Amino acid sequence: MTYLLGLTGSIGMGKSTTARLFKEAGCAVWDADDAVHRLYAKGGAAVAPLHAMFSGVIERGAVSRDRLKAIIAERPEALNDVEAIVHPLVAKDRACFLDETTSDIAVFDIPLLYETGADGWLHAVVCVTVAPDIQRARVLQRGSMTGAQFETILAKQLPDAEKRARADYVIETDTLDHARQQVQAVITDIQQGIG
């Protein structure tokens, strides 16, 4: 049996790095954002249905995220239509990953895990966290958004304290070595429980 471990955390908390650490430790890792990128790419399963629903959303055979964002900004109800198409395709991608994995622990990197109610089928959840000032600095260092955009995204996510309270494990990503030690501790705890 494969142990199903959710991985979540707010923007800038170190989730991608933590997912990589789980992978380096031998766990299978599925990334929800990567799945969406595959679905939106040329030949991806979401291209045709989104093209049928929203003319002008396809650019060079792939879904243009910028065009899709513009449509949703203009008509917020369009988000429901997008989700009705994309969510089942993401679930199918996740199921295929799970069918193919041979690892005893499968990690599911899902940014909005609690917000979308996607935690019910998992055995446990890890929440990554870091001090708010470090979180903000990390996000702004990327250079891809302003402070105001960061605050807007943060407002749409559950507060860090609530995510930590709901999680089975909490990993503080203040340093890479500290995060790596905590990842190993989680893996050891799970393996002892399923062994």
Protein backbone atom coordinates (compact mmCIF):
# COMPACT_ATOMS: atom_id res chain seq x y z
CA MET A 1 0.00 0.00 0.00
CA THR A 2 1.25 3.48 -0.83
CA TYR A 3 0.96 6.06 1.93
CA LEU A 4 -0.70 9.24 0.60
CA LEU A 5 0.87 12.39 2.04
CA GLY A 6 -0.40 15.86 1.19
CA LEU A 7 2.01 18.78 1.06
CA THR A 8 0.70 22.31 1.34
CA GLY A 9 1.60 25.79 2.50
CA SER A 10 1.00 29.39 1.60
CA ILE A 11 2.90 31.24 -1.12
CA GLY A 12 6.61 31.67 -0.38
CA MET A 13 6.69 29.12 2.44
CA GLY A 14 9.13 26.73 0.72
CA LYS A 15 6.75 24.09 -0.58
CA SER A 16 8.59 23.44 -3.85
CA THR A 17 11.90 23.04 -2.04
CA THR A 18 10.29 20.70 0.49
CA ALA A 19 8.74 18.64 -2.32
CA ARG A 20 12.21 18.31 -3.86
CA LEU A 21 13.59 17.13 -0.50
CA PHE A 22 10.91 14.43 -0.29
CA LYS A 23 11.78 13.36 -3.84
CA GLU A 24 15.50 13.26 -3.04
CA ALA A 25 14.66 11.04 -0.06
CA GLY A 26 12.97 8.50 -2.36
CA CYS A 27 9.31 9.51 -2.20
CA ALA A 28 7.20 9.79 -5.34
CA VAL A 29 6.03 13.40 -5.78
CA TRP A 30 3.03 14.67 -7.76
CA ASP A 31 2.75 18.43 -8.26
CA ALA A 32 -0.69 19.95 -8.92
CA ASP A 33 0.80 23.03 -10.64
CA ASP A 34 2.90 20.82 -12.93
CA ALA A 35 -0.22 18.82 -13.81
CA VAL A 36 -2.03 22.02 -14.86
CA HIS A 37 0.97 23.05 -16.96
CA ARG A 38 0.85 19.67 -18.75
CA LEU A 39 -2.89 20.05 -19.34
CA TYR A 40 -2.45 23.58 -20.74
CA ALA A 41 0.56 22.75 -22.93
CA LYS A 42 0.31 22.06 -26.65
CA GLY A 43 -1.52 18.74 -27.01
CA GLY A 44 -2.66 18.87 -23.37
CA ALA A 45 -6.07 17.51 -22.42
CA ALA A 46 -7.43 20.93 -21.39
CA VAL A 47 -6.59 22.72 -24.64
CA ALA A 48 -9.56 21.59 -26.76
CA PRO A 49 -12.30 21.99 -24.12
CA LEU A 50 -11.03 25.42 -23.03
CA HIS A 51 -10.76 26.51 -26.66
CA ALA A 52 -14.36 25.40 -27.22
CA MET A 53 -15.53 27.41 -24.22
CA PHE A 54 -13.41 30.55 -24.60
CA SER A 55 -12.44 31.67 -28.06
CA GLY A 56 -9.06 33.37 -28.17
CA VAL A 57 -7.62 31.59 -25.15
CA ILE A 58 -5.25 29.44 -27.26
CA GLU A 59 -1.86 30.73 -28.35
CA ARG A 60 0.47 28.57 -30.49
CA GLY A 61 -1.55 25.46 -29.66
CA ALA A 62 -1.44 25.94 -25.88
CA VAL A 63 -3.67 27.63 -23.33
CA SER A 64 -2.49 31.18 -22.68
CA ARG A 65 -2.63 31.71 -18.93
CA ASP A 66 -2.56 35.48 -19.45
CA ARG A 67 -5.57 35.37 -21.76
CA LEU A 68 -7.39 33.04 -19.40
CA LYS A 69 -6.68 35.38 -16.45
CA ALA A 70 -7.98 38.31 -18.50
CA ILE A 71 -11.23 36.45 -19.25
CA ILE A 72 -11.69 35.58 -15.58
CA ALA A 73 -10.91 39.17 -14.53
CA GLU A 74 -13.57 40.40 -16.97
CA ARG A 75 -16.09 37.70 -16.04
CA PRO A 76 -15.34 36.20 -12.59
CA GLU A 77 -18.03 33.53 -13.08
CA ALA A 78 -15.86 32.09 -15.89
CA LEU A 79 -13.61 30.64 -13.18
CA ASN A 80 -16.32 28.09 -12.37
CA ASP A 81 -16.38 27.01 -16.03
CA VAL A 82 -12.59 26.68 -16.10
CA GLU A 83 -12.58 24.65 -12.88
CA ALA A 84 -15.35 22.38 -14.20
CA ILE A 85 -13.05 21.47 -17.09
CA VAL A 86 -9.68 21.46 -15.36
CA HIS A 87 -10.37 19.87 -11.96
CA PRO A 88 -11.52 16.48 -13.34
CA LEU A 89 -8.50 16.43 -15.68
CA VAL A 90 -6.16 17.17 -12.76
CA ALA A 91 -7.82 14.37 -10.75
CA LYS A 92 -7.27 11.99 -13.68
CA ASP A 93 -3.60 13.02 -13.94
CA ARG A 94 -3.20 12.40 -10.19
CA ALA A 95 -4.87 8.98 -10.45
CA CYS A 96 -2.54 7.98 -13.30
CA PHE A 97 0.46 9.04 -11.21
CA LEU A 98 -0.77 6.96 -8.28
CA ASP A 99 -1.38 3.92 -10.50
CA GLU A 100 2.19 4.11 -11.77
CA THR A 101 4.02 4.80 -8.49
CA THR A 102 5.96 2.05 -6.75
CA SER A 103 7.08 4.19 -3.80
CA ASP A 104 5.82 3.41 -0.30
CA ILE A 105 5.15 7.13 0.20
CA ALA A 106 3.53 9.35 -2.43
CA VAL A 107 3.62 13.10 -1.78
CA PHE A 108 0.93 15.29 -3.34
CA ASP A 109 2.09 18.90 -3.65
CA ILE A 110 -1.20 20.83 -3.68
CA PRO A 111 -0.97 24.57 -2.89
CA LEU A 112 -4.68 25.08 -2.17
CA LEU A 113 -5.20 21.70 -0.50
CA TYR A 114 -7.42 22.93 2.33
CA GLU A 115 -9.02 25.74 0.35
CA THR A 116 -10.33 23.26 -2.24
CA GLY A 117 -11.23 20.53 0.27
CA ALA A 118 -8.77 18.14 -1.38
CA ASP A 119 -7.44 16.67 1.87
CA GLY A 120 -10.13 14.06 2.56
CA TRP A 121 -8.51 11.19 0.61
CA LEU A 122 -5.02 11.60 2.11
CA HIS A 123 -3.55 9.65 5.01
CA ALA A 124 -1.82 12.76 6.41
CA VAL A 125 -0.85 16.32 5.51
CA VAL A 126 2.42 18.23 5.85
CA CYS A 127 2.24 22.02 6.06
CA VAL A 128 5.38 24.07 5.37
CA THR A 129 5.82 27.31 7.22
CA VAL A 130 8.27 30.14 7.83
CA ALA A 131 8.21 33.51 9.56
CA PRO A 132 6.06 36.10 7.72
CA ASP A 133 9.00 38.43 7.02
CA ILE A 134 10.97 35.61 5.37
CA GLN A 135 7.89 34.55 3.40
CA ARG A 136 7.36 38.08 2.06
CA ALA A 137 11.05 38.53 1.22
CA ARG A 138 11.13 35.22 -0.70
CA VAL A 139 8.09 36.12 -2.79
CA LEU A 140 9.26 39.64 -3.62
CA GLN A 141 12.79 38.42 -4.46
CA ARG A 142 11.30 36.40 -7.32
CA GLY A 143 10.56 39.69 -9.07
CA SER A 144 7.33 38.33 -10.55
CA MET A 145 4.88 40.25 -8.37
CA THR A 146 4.44 43.40 -6.34
CA GLY A 147 3.79 43.64 -2.63
CA ALA A 148 0.14 44.41 -3.38
CA GLN A 149 -0.19 41.30 -5.59
CA PHE A 150 1.40 39.21 -2.83
CA GLU A 151 -1.13 40.54 -0.30
CA THR A 152 -4.01 39.78 -2.69
CA ILE A 153 -2.87 36.16 -3.11
CA LEU A 154 -2.29 35.79 0.63
CA ALA A 155 -5.82 37.04 1.33
CA LYS A 156 -7.26 34.23 -0.81
CA GLN A 157 -5.38 31.54 1.10
CA LEU A 158 -6.20 30.14 4.52
CA PRO A 159 -4.06 31.76 7.21
CA ASP A 160 -0.80 29.95 7.94
CA ALA A 161 -1.83 29.35 11.56
CA GLU A 162 -5.00 27.55 10.46
CA LYS A 163 -3.11 25.38 7.97
CA ARG A 164 -0.57 24.44 10.63
CA ALA A 165 -3.34 23.60 13.12
CA ARG A 166 -5.04 21.29 10.60
CA ALA A 167 -1.86 19.55 9.44
CA ASP A 168 -0.49 16.28 10.81
CA TYR A 169 3.09 17.47 10.35
CA VAL A 170 4.61 20.95 10.20
CA ILE A 171 7.96 21.65 8.55
CA GLU A 172 9.70 24.95 9.15
CA THR A 173 11.70 25.95 6.09
CA ASP A 174 13.93 28.56 7.72
CA THR A 175 17.07 26.79 6.42
CA LEU A 176 17.59 24.00 3.90
CA ASP A 177 19.34 21.74 6.42
CA HIS A 178 16.59 22.23 9.00
CA ALA A 179 13.91 21.46 6.38
CA ARG A 180 15.83 18.35 5.23
CA GLN A 181 16.05 17.05 8.82
CA GLN A 182 12.32 17.54 9.32
CA VAL A 183 11.47 15.83 6.01
CA GLN A 184 13.52 12.83 7.09
CA ALA A 185 11.78 12.80 10.48
CA VAL A 186 8.37 12.77 8.76
CA ILE A 187 9.42 9.93 6.45
CA THR A 188 10.81 7.91 9.38
CA ASP A 189 7.60 8.43 11.38
CA ILE A 190 5.43 7.32 8.46
CA GLN A 191 7.60 4.29 7.66
CA GLN A 192 7.51 3.16 11.28
CA GLY A 193 3.73 3.50 11.26
CA ILE A 194 3.21 1.55 8.01
CA GLY A 195 6.01 -0.93 8.62
